[in-house]
């Protein structure tokens, strides 16, 4: 699995951030349906630096089944799930058949 970042952006974490999760503009791990600034490269404790991929493709943890080309949003743990009523944060480049799998997505700026 690979990612093709065009732009990365370091932030100081506003709270604990898990690896490969959506992160908000407020520098916190995204909640259900929230708009994301990017995806964390690694985990970070509150007050620590965390690198985000904000443009290009990146790897994110899936929160459920997702098909190639599906729009994805954040679930309550910042994982990628099939877009329902939330903000679209990307499109799946790879499919996931279950939660916990890592997939590549094309980030959508919003």
N, C-alpha and C. Protein backbone atom coordinates (compact mmCIF):
# COMPACT_ATOMS: atom_id res chain seq x y z
N UNK A 1 0.85 -1.17 0.00
CA UNK A 1 0.00 0.00 0.00
C UNK A 1 0.89 1.23 0.00
N UNK A 2 0.53 2.19 -0.82
CA UNK A 2 1.33 3.40 -0.89
C UNK A 2 0.46 4.64 -0.82
N UNK A 3 1.11 5.74 -0.54
CA UNK A 3 0.42 7.02 -0.61
C UNK A 3 1.26 7.94 -1.46
N UNK A 4 0.60 8.90 -2.08
CA UNK A 4 1.27 9.85 -2.95
C UNK A 4 0.94 11.27 -2.47
N UNK A 5 1.56 11.69 -1.38
CA UNK A 5 1.25 13.03 -0.87
C UNK A 5 1.82 14.12 -1.77
N UNK A 6 1.01 15.13 -2.02
CA UNK A 6 1.44 16.31 -2.76
C UNK A 6 1.82 17.39 -1.76
N UNK A 7 1.09 17.45 -0.64
CA UNK A 7 1.35 18.45 0.39
C UNK A 7 1.12 17.83 1.76
N UNK A 8 2.10 18.03 2.64
CA UNK A 8 1.98 17.59 4.03
C UNK A 8 2.04 18.82 4.92
N UNK A 9 1.41 18.72 6.09
CA UNK A 9 1.23 19.88 6.95
C UNK A 9 1.38 19.45 8.41
N UNK A 10 2.40 19.95 9.13
CA UNK A 10 2.54 19.58 10.54
C UNK A 10 1.61 20.43 11.41
N UNK A 11 0.99 19.80 12.40
CA UNK A 11 0.11 20.52 13.34
C UNK A 11 0.45 20.08 14.76
N UNK A 12 0.10 20.92 15.72
CA UNK A 12 0.20 20.55 17.13
C UNK A 12 -1.16 19.97 17.51
N UNK A 13 -1.16 18.73 17.96
CA UNK A 13 -2.41 18.02 18.26
C UNK A 13 -3.17 18.68 19.42
N UNK A 14 -4.46 18.94 19.21
CA UNK A 14 -5.32 19.51 20.25
C UNK A 14 -5.80 18.44 21.23
N UNK A 15 -5.63 17.20 20.87
CA UNK A 15 -6.00 16.04 21.69
C UNK A 15 -5.28 14.84 21.12
N UNK A 16 -5.49 13.69 21.70
CA UNK A 16 -4.85 12.48 21.19
C UNK A 16 -5.33 12.18 19.76
N UNK A 17 -4.40 11.88 18.87
CA UNK A 17 -4.71 11.54 17.49
C UNK A 17 -4.11 10.18 17.19
N UNK A 18 -4.93 9.28 16.69
CA UNK A 18 -4.47 7.95 16.31
C UNK A 18 -3.84 8.00 14.92
N UNK A 19 -3.04 7.01 14.62
CA UNK A 19 -2.37 6.89 13.32
C UNK A 19 -3.39 6.62 12.22
N UNK A 20 -3.22 7.31 11.07
CA UNK A 20 -4.01 7.09 9.86
C UNK A 20 -5.50 7.38 10.07
N UNK A 21 -5.79 8.51 10.72
CA UNK A 21 -7.18 8.95 10.96
C UNK A 21 -7.36 10.36 10.41
N UNK A 22 -8.62 10.70 10.11
CA UNK A 22 -8.94 12.06 9.70
C UNK A 22 -8.73 13.01 10.88
N UNK A 23 -8.19 14.20 10.56
CA UNK A 23 -7.93 15.23 11.57
C UNK A 23 -8.58 16.52 11.10
N UNK A 24 -9.25 17.23 12.01
CA UNK A 24 -9.99 18.44 11.67
C UNK A 24 -9.09 19.67 11.57
N UNK A 25 -9.69 20.76 11.09
CA UNK A 25 -8.99 22.05 11.03
C UNK A 25 -8.66 22.56 12.43
N UNK A 26 -9.37 22.05 13.44
CA UNK A 26 -9.10 22.44 14.83
C UNK A 26 -8.00 21.58 15.44
N UNK A 27 -7.36 20.75 14.63
CA UNK A 27 -6.22 19.91 15.02
C UNK A 27 -6.60 18.77 15.96
N UNK A 28 -7.83 18.31 15.86
CA UNK A 28 -8.32 17.20 16.69
C UNK A 28 -8.73 16.05 15.78
N UNK A 29 -8.71 14.83 16.32
CA UNK A 29 -9.17 13.69 15.55
C UNK A 29 -10.64 13.91 15.18
N UNK A 30 -10.97 13.71 13.93
CA UNK A 30 -12.33 13.98 13.44
C UNK A 30 -13.36 13.07 14.09
N UNK A 31 -14.54 13.61 14.25
CA UNK A 31 -15.70 12.88 14.74
C UNK A 31 -16.60 12.55 13.56
N UNK A 32 -17.73 11.94 13.83
CA UNK A 32 -18.66 11.50 12.79
C UNK A 32 -19.06 12.63 11.84
N UNK A 33 -18.69 12.47 10.56
CA UNK A 33 -19.12 13.39 9.52
C UNK A 33 -18.42 14.72 9.45
N UNK A 34 -17.39 14.94 10.28
CA UNK A 34 -16.72 16.24 10.31
C UNK A 34 -15.81 16.46 9.11
N UNK A 35 -15.64 17.74 8.77
CA UNK A 35 -14.73 18.17 7.72
C UNK A 35 -13.30 17.95 8.20
N UNK A 36 -12.45 17.37 7.35
CA UNK A 36 -11.07 17.09 7.73
C UNK A 36 -10.08 17.98 6.99
N UNK A 37 -9.04 18.38 7.70
CA UNK A 37 -7.91 19.08 7.10
C UNK A 37 -7.03 18.07 6.38
N UNK A 38 -6.87 16.89 6.97
CA UNK A 38 -6.03 15.86 6.37
C UNK A 38 -6.08 14.57 7.16
N UNK A 39 -5.10 13.71 6.92
CA UNK A 39 -5.01 12.40 7.57
C UNK A 39 -3.66 12.31 8.27
N UNK A 40 -3.67 11.84 9.52
CA UNK A 40 -2.45 11.73 10.31
C UNK A 40 -1.53 10.65 9.77
N UNK A 41 -0.23 10.97 9.71
CA UNK A 41 0.77 9.97 9.31
C UNK A 41 1.07 9.01 10.46
N UNK A 42 0.99 9.51 11.69
CA UNK A 42 1.32 8.72 12.87
C UNK A 42 0.52 9.23 14.05
N UNK A 43 0.55 8.50 15.16
CA UNK A 43 -0.21 8.94 16.34
C UNK A 43 0.53 10.07 17.04
N UNK A 44 -0.23 10.87 17.76
CA UNK A 44 0.35 11.99 18.50
C UNK A 44 -0.48 12.25 19.75
N UNK A 45 0.20 12.54 20.84
CA UNK A 45 -0.46 12.92 22.09
C UNK A 45 -0.79 14.41 22.02
N UNK A 46 -1.71 14.85 22.87
CA UNK A 46 -2.07 16.26 22.93
C UNK A 46 -0.82 17.11 23.15
N UNK A 47 -0.70 18.19 22.36
CA UNK A 47 0.42 19.10 22.47
C UNK A 47 1.65 18.70 21.68
N UNK A 48 1.62 17.54 21.05
CA UNK A 48 2.77 17.06 20.27
C UNK A 48 2.53 17.30 18.78
N UNK A 49 3.62 17.37 18.02
CA UNK A 49 3.51 17.55 16.58
C UNK A 49 2.99 16.29 15.90
N UNK A 50 2.16 16.49 14.89
CA UNK A 50 1.63 15.40 14.09
C UNK A 50 1.65 15.85 12.64
N UNK A 51 2.18 15.03 11.75
CA UNK A 51 2.22 15.36 10.34
C UNK A 51 0.93 14.88 9.67
N UNK A 52 0.31 15.76 8.90
CA UNK A 52 -0.91 15.41 8.16
C UNK A 52 -0.64 15.44 6.67
N UNK A 53 -1.19 14.48 5.94
CA UNK A 53 -1.24 14.56 4.49
C UNK A 53 -2.51 15.33 4.18
N UNK A 54 -2.38 16.46 3.46
CA UNK A 54 -3.54 17.31 3.20
C UNK A 54 -3.92 17.39 1.72
N UNK A 55 -3.04 16.91 0.83
CA UNK A 55 -3.33 16.94 -0.59
C UNK A 55 -2.66 15.75 -1.26
N UNK A 56 -3.37 15.10 -2.16
CA UNK A 56 -2.85 13.93 -2.86
C UNK A 56 -3.58 12.69 -2.39
N UNK A 57 -2.89 11.55 -2.41
CA UNK A 57 -3.48 10.34 -1.87
C UNK A 57 -2.78 9.99 -0.57
N UNK A 58 -3.52 9.32 0.30
CA UNK A 58 -2.98 8.90 1.58
C UNK A 58 -3.64 7.60 2.01
N UNK A 59 -3.06 6.98 2.99
CA UNK A 59 -3.61 5.75 3.56
C UNK A 59 -4.36 6.12 4.83
N UNK A 60 -5.57 5.58 4.97
CA UNK A 60 -6.41 5.84 6.13
C UNK A 60 -7.03 4.51 6.58
N UNK A 61 -7.31 4.41 7.87
CA UNK A 61 -7.97 3.20 8.37
C UNK A 61 -9.46 3.25 8.05
N UNK A 62 -9.98 2.15 7.53
CA UNK A 62 -11.41 2.07 7.21
C UNK A 62 -12.21 1.72 8.47
N UNK A 63 -13.41 2.28 8.55
CA UNK A 63 -14.31 1.99 9.67
C UNK A 63 -15.40 1.01 9.28
N UNK A 64 -15.35 0.50 8.05
CA UNK A 64 -16.34 -0.44 7.54
C UNK A 64 -16.08 -0.69 6.07
N UNK A 65 -16.98 -1.39 5.42
CA UNK A 65 -16.82 -1.70 4.00
C UNK A 65 -16.92 -0.44 3.15
N UNK A 66 -15.99 -0.30 2.20
CA UNK A 66 -15.94 0.84 1.28
C UNK A 66 -15.53 0.29 -0.08
N UNK A 67 -16.19 0.75 -1.14
CA UNK A 67 -15.85 0.32 -2.49
C UNK A 67 -14.95 1.32 -3.20
N UNK A 68 -14.24 0.86 -4.20
CA UNK A 68 -13.40 1.75 -5.01
C UNK A 68 -14.28 2.83 -5.63
N UNK A 69 -13.86 4.09 -5.51
CA UNK A 69 -14.60 5.21 -6.07
C UNK A 69 -15.64 5.80 -5.14
N UNK A 70 -15.93 5.12 -4.03
CA UNK A 70 -16.92 5.64 -3.07
C UNK A 70 -16.40 6.90 -2.38
N UNK A 71 -17.30 7.84 -2.13
CA UNK A 71 -16.96 9.00 -1.30
C UNK A 71 -16.90 8.52 0.14
N UNK A 72 -15.92 9.05 0.90
CA UNK A 72 -15.78 8.66 2.30
C UNK A 72 -15.86 9.87 3.21
N UNK A 73 -16.36 9.62 4.40
CA UNK A 73 -16.43 10.63 5.45
C UNK A 73 -15.79 10.01 6.70
N UNK A 74 -15.66 10.81 7.72
CA UNK A 74 -15.13 10.33 8.99
C UNK A 74 -16.22 9.67 9.82
N UNK A 75 -15.84 8.58 10.52
CA UNK A 75 -16.76 8.03 11.52
C UNK A 75 -16.42 8.65 12.88
N UNK A 76 -16.99 8.18 13.95
CA UNK A 76 -16.78 8.76 15.28
C UNK A 76 -15.35 8.61 15.79
N UNK A 77 -14.56 7.71 15.18
CA UNK A 77 -13.17 7.51 15.57
C UNK A 77 -12.18 8.05 14.54
N UNK A 78 -12.67 8.82 13.56
CA UNK A 78 -11.80 9.41 12.55
C UNK A 78 -11.43 8.47 11.42
N UNK A 79 -12.09 7.30 11.35
CA UNK A 79 -11.81 6.34 10.27
C UNK A 79 -12.67 6.65 9.05
N UNK A 80 -12.28 6.12 7.90
CA UNK A 80 -13.03 6.35 6.66
C UNK A 80 -14.19 5.37 6.54
N UNK A 81 -15.38 5.93 6.33
CA UNK A 81 -16.58 5.12 6.09
C UNK A 81 -17.30 5.68 4.87
N UNK A 82 -18.20 4.88 4.32
CA UNK A 82 -19.00 5.31 3.18
C UNK A 82 -19.76 6.59 3.56
N UNK A 83 -19.70 7.61 2.71
CA UNK A 83 -20.35 8.88 3.00
C UNK A 83 -21.86 8.71 3.09
N UNK A 84 -22.43 9.24 4.16
CA UNK A 84 -23.88 9.22 4.36
C UNK A 84 -24.35 10.68 4.38
N UNK A 85 -24.39 11.29 5.55
CA UNK A 85 -24.85 12.66 5.68
C UNK A 85 -23.71 13.61 6.01
N UNK A 86 -22.50 13.08 6.18
CA UNK A 86 -21.36 13.91 6.57
C UNK A 86 -20.68 14.57 5.38
N UNK A 87 -19.59 15.26 5.67
CA UNK A 87 -18.79 15.94 4.67
C UNK A 87 -17.88 14.92 3.99
N UNK A 88 -17.82 14.97 2.67
CA UNK A 88 -16.92 14.08 1.93
C UNK A 88 -15.49 14.56 2.10
N UNK A 89 -14.63 13.66 2.59
CA UNK A 89 -13.22 14.00 2.77
C UNK A 89 -12.33 13.32 1.74
N UNK A 90 -12.91 12.48 0.88
CA UNK A 90 -12.10 11.83 -0.14
C UNK A 90 -12.88 10.78 -0.91
N UNK A 91 -12.17 10.14 -1.84
CA UNK A 91 -12.72 9.02 -2.62
C UNK A 91 -11.77 7.84 -2.47
N UNK A 92 -12.34 6.68 -2.28
CA UNK A 92 -11.54 5.47 -2.10
C UNK A 92 -10.86 5.07 -3.40
N UNK A 93 -9.56 4.85 -3.33
CA UNK A 93 -8.79 4.34 -4.46
C UNK A 93 -8.67 2.81 -4.33
N UNK A 94 -8.83 2.32 -3.10
CA UNK A 94 -8.82 0.89 -2.81
C UNK A 94 -10.06 0.56 -2.00
N UNK A 95 -10.50 -0.68 -2.07
CA UNK A 95 -11.68 -1.13 -1.33
C UNK A 95 -11.29 -1.71 0.03
N UNK A 96 -12.23 -1.65 0.95
CA UNK A 96 -12.11 -2.32 2.25
C UNK A 96 -13.34 -3.18 2.43
N UNK A 97 -13.16 -4.38 2.94
CA UNK A 97 -14.30 -5.26 3.17
C UNK A 97 -14.76 -5.22 4.63
N UNK A 98 -13.93 -4.63 5.50
CA UNK A 98 -14.28 -4.58 6.93
C UNK A 98 -13.50 -3.47 7.62
N UNK A 99 -13.96 -3.12 8.81
CA UNK A 99 -13.27 -2.13 9.64
C UNK A 99 -11.87 -2.61 9.98
N UNK A 100 -10.95 -1.65 10.14
CA UNK A 100 -9.59 -1.97 10.53
C UNK A 100 -8.63 -2.12 9.38
N UNK A 101 -9.15 -2.24 8.16
CA UNK A 101 -8.27 -2.36 7.00
C UNK A 101 -7.76 -0.99 6.59
N UNK A 102 -6.55 -0.95 6.06
CA UNK A 102 -5.96 0.30 5.57
C UNK A 102 -6.24 0.41 4.08
N UNK A 103 -6.73 1.58 3.65
CA UNK A 103 -7.02 1.82 2.24
C UNK A 103 -6.42 3.14 1.80
N UNK A 104 -6.15 3.24 0.52
CA UNK A 104 -5.67 4.48 -0.05
C UNK A 104 -6.88 5.29 -0.52
N UNK A 105 -6.86 6.59 -0.21
CA UNK A 105 -7.92 7.49 -0.66
C UNK A 105 -7.32 8.70 -1.35
N UNK A 106 -8.09 9.30 -2.24
CA UNK A 106 -7.73 10.59 -2.85
C UNK A 106 -8.44 11.65 -2.02
N UNK A 107 -7.66 12.51 -1.37
CA UNK A 107 -8.25 13.54 -0.52
C UNK A 107 -9.02 14.56 -1.33
N UNK A 108 -10.14 15.02 -0.81
CA UNK A 108 -10.96 16.07 -1.42
C UNK A 108 -10.94 17.26 -0.47
N UNK A 109 -10.47 18.39 -0.96
CA UNK A 109 -10.45 19.59 -0.13
C UNK A 109 -11.83 20.20 -0.09
N UNK A 110 -12.27 20.56 1.07
CA UNK A 110 -13.60 21.12 1.23
C UNK A 110 -13.62 22.23 2.24
